[in-house]
C-alpha atoms as a PDB file:
ATOM      1  CA  MET A   1      -7.134 -13.654  12.500  1.00  0.00           C
ATOM      2  CA  THR A   2      -7.855  -9.969  12.948  1.00  0.00           C
ATOM      3  CA  VAL A   3      -6.492  -7.114  10.831  1.00  0.00           C
ATOM      4  CA  TYR A   4      -4.466  -4.451  12.656  1.00  0.00           C
ATOM      5  CA  MET A   5      -3.249  -1.120  11.354  1.00  0.00           C
ATOM      6  CA  VAL A   6       0.149   0.177  12.411  1.00  0.00           C
ATOM      7  CA  GLU A   7       0.536   3.947  12.218  1.00  0.00           C
ATOM      8  CA  ARG A   8       4.050   5.295  11.675  1.00  0.00           C
ATOM      9  CA  ASN A   9       5.713   8.665  11.206  1.00  0.00           C
ATOM     10  CA  LEU A  10       8.564   8.165   8.744  1.00  0.00           C
ATOM     11  CA  LYS A  11       9.094  11.780   7.674  1.00  0.00           C
ATOM     12  CA  GLY A  12      12.307  12.108   5.699  1.00  0.00           C
ATOM     13  CA  ILE A  13      12.783   8.377   5.079  1.00  0.00           C
ATOM     14  CA  SER A  14      14.423   7.468   1.768  1.00  0.00           C
ATOM     15  CA  MET A  15      12.657   5.135  -0.621  1.00  0.00           C
ATOM     16  CA  GLU A  16      15.506   2.658  -0.116  1.00  0.00           C
ATOM     17  CA  ASP A  17      15.001   2.687   3.662  1.00  0.00           C
ATOM     18  CA  LEU A  18      11.223   2.460   3.219  1.00  0.00           C
ATOM     19  CA  ALA A  19      11.683  -0.665   1.074  1.00  0.00           C
ATOM     20  CA  GLY A  20      14.005  -2.078   3.746  1.00  0.00           C
ATOM     21  CA  ALA A  21      11.400  -1.435   6.447  1.00  0.00           C
ATOM     22  CA  GLN A  22       8.778  -3.244   4.385  1.00  0.00           C
ATOM     23  CA  LYS A  23      11.111  -6.217   3.909  1.00  0.00           C
ATOM     24  CA  ALA A  24      11.812  -6.260   7.660  1.00  0.00           C
ATOM     25  CA  ALA A  25       8.059  -6.321   8.424  1.00  0.00           C
ATOM     26  CA  ILE A  26       7.470  -9.169   5.970  1.00  0.00           C
ATOM     27  CA  SER A  27      10.437 -11.154   7.262  1.00  0.00           C
ATOM     28  CA  LYS A  28       9.584 -10.662  10.941  1.00  0.00           C
ATOM     29  CA  ALA A  29       5.939 -11.676  10.347  1.00  0.00           C
ATOM     30  CA  ALA A  30       7.147 -14.892   8.704  1.00  0.00           C
ATOM     31  CA  GLU A  31       9.543 -15.476  11.603  1.00  0.00           C
ATOM     32  CA  PHE A  32       6.741 -14.968  14.146  1.00  0.00           C
ATOM     33  CA  SER A  33       4.523 -17.431  12.281  1.00  0.00           C
ATOM     34  CA  GLY A  34       7.374 -19.936  12.188  1.00  0.00           C
ATOM     35  CA  ARG A  35       7.682 -19.624  15.967  1.00  0.00           C
ATOM     36  CA  GLY A  36       3.964 -20.360  16.413  1.00  0.00           C
ATOM     37  CA  THR A  37       2.615 -16.805  16.668  1.00  0.00           C
ATOM     38  CA  PRO A  38       0.504 -16.359  13.520  1.00  0.00           C
ATOM     39  CA  ALA A  39       1.184 -13.037  11.798  1.00  0.00           C
ATOM     40  CA  ARG A  40       1.083 -11.806   8.234  1.00  0.00           C
ATOM     41  CA  TYR A  41       2.075  -8.495   6.666  1.00  0.00           C
ATOM     42  CA  LEU A  42      -0.640  -7.404   4.228  1.00  0.00           C
ATOM     43  CA  ARG A  43       0.325  -4.036   2.721  1.00  0.00           C
ATOM     44  CA  SER A  44       1.303  -0.441   3.410  1.00  0.00           C
ATOM     45  CA  VAL A  45       0.304   3.030   2.270  1.00  0.00           C
ATOM     46  CA  PHE A  46       2.883   5.809   2.491  1.00  0.00           C
ATOM     47  CA  THR A  47       2.384   9.544   1.989  1.00  0.00           C
ATOM     48  CA  PRO A  48       5.787  11.070   1.172  1.00  0.00           C
ATOM     49  CA  GLU A  49       4.619  14.644   1.737  1.00  0.00           C
ATOM     50  CA  ASP A  50       4.036  14.173   5.462  1.00  0.00           C
ATOM     51  CA  GLY A  51       5.835  10.875   6.076  1.00  0.00           C
ATOM     52  CA  ARG A  52       2.770   9.004   7.355  1.00  0.00           C
ATOM     53  CA  CYS A  53       2.800   5.266   6.812  1.00  0.00           C
ATOM     54  CA  LEU A  54      -0.087   2.894   7.507  1.00  0.00           C
ATOM     55  CA  CYS A  55       0.725  -0.807   7.528  1.00  0.00           C
ATOM     56  CA  LEU A  56      -1.793  -3.634   7.739  1.00  0.00           C
ATOM     57  CA  PHE A  57      -1.061  -6.931   9.455  1.00  0.00           C
ATOM     58  CA  GLU A  58      -3.139  -9.984  10.280  1.00  0.00           C
ATOM     59  CA  ALA A  59      -2.538 -11.415  13.736  1.00  0.00           C
ATOM     60  CA  GLU A  60      -4.304 -12.771  16.774  1.00  0.00           C
ATOM     61  CA  SER A  61      -3.729  -9.651  18.914  1.00  0.00           C
ATOM     62  CA  ALA A  62      -2.518  -6.071  18.823  1.00  0.00           C
ATOM     63  CA  SER A  63       0.211  -7.019  21.295  1.00  0.00           C
ATOM     64  CA  ASP A  64       1.561  -9.587  18.804  1.00  0.00           C
ATOM     65  CA  VAL A  65       1.742  -6.864  16.126  1.00  0.00           C
ATOM     66  CA  GLU A  66       3.441  -4.479  18.559  1.00  0.00           C
ATOM     67  CA  ALA A  67       6.008  -7.143  19.495  1.00  0.00           C
ATOM     68  CA  LEU A  68       6.633  -7.948  15.825  1.00  0.00           C
ATOM     69  CA  ASN A  69       7.337  -4.291  15.035  1.00  0.00           C
ATOM     70  CA  ARG A  70       9.559  -3.852  18.088  1.00  0.00           C
ATOM     71  CA  GLU A  71      11.625  -6.919  17.177  1.00  0.00           C
ATOM     72  CA  ALA A  72      11.899  -5.672  13.587  1.00  0.00           C
ATOM     73  CA  GLN A  73      13.072  -2.320  15.041  1.00  0.00           C
ATOM     74  CA  LEU A  74      10.352  -0.466  13.159  1.00  0.00           C
ATOM     75  CA  PRO A  75       9.032   2.710  14.797  1.00  0.00           C
ATOM     76  CA  PHE A  76       5.287   3.053  15.318  1.00  0.00           C
ATOM     77  CA  ASP A  77       2.876   5.424  17.004  1.00  0.00           C
ATOM     78  CA  ARG A  78       0.034   3.004  17.630  1.00  0.00           C
ATOM     79  CA  VAL A  79      -1.554  -0.297  16.646  1.00  0.00           C
ATOM     80  CA  VAL A  80      -5.325  -0.492  16.271  1.00  0.00           C
ATOM     81  CA  GLU A  81      -7.818  -3.037  15.008  1.00  0.00           C
ATOM     82  CA  ALA A  82      -8.919  -2.195  11.464  1.00  0.00           C
ATOM     83  CA  LEU A  83     -11.343  -3.289   8.788  1.00  0.00           C
ATOM     84  CA  ASP A  84      -9.620  -4.039   5.486  1.00  0.00           C
ATOM     85  CA  LEU A  85     -12.435  -3.085   3.101  1.00  0.00           C
ATOM     86  CA  GLN A  86     -11.722  -4.447  -0.333  1.00  0.00           C
ATOM     87  CA  PRO A  87     -14.196  -4.244  -3.209  1.00  0.00           C
ATOM     88  CA  ALA A  88     -16.063  -7.421  -4.047  1.00  0.00           C
ATOM     89  CA  ALA A  89     -14.981  -9.155  -7.233  1.00  0.00           C
ATOM     90  CA  SER A  90     -17.474  -8.629 -10.026  1.00  0.00           C
END
């Protein structure tokens, strides 16, 4: 599967609502996978000062990630392929 980054503007969101959005993304990804469309939520980075949120998903296509976020009723600006660069274990 490919990694996709979802860019969101969540300016003014409460931490409670942010946690709820994360739970919705996780739940909807599991639901998609259960329906035969592989998808997995990986992680998010949120900057409270400007409300930018970057979420990483694994999926077979950007359109699958877009559909997942629409069904979860999560706003997004765009979905792009990304490289999830993690340090090698030493």
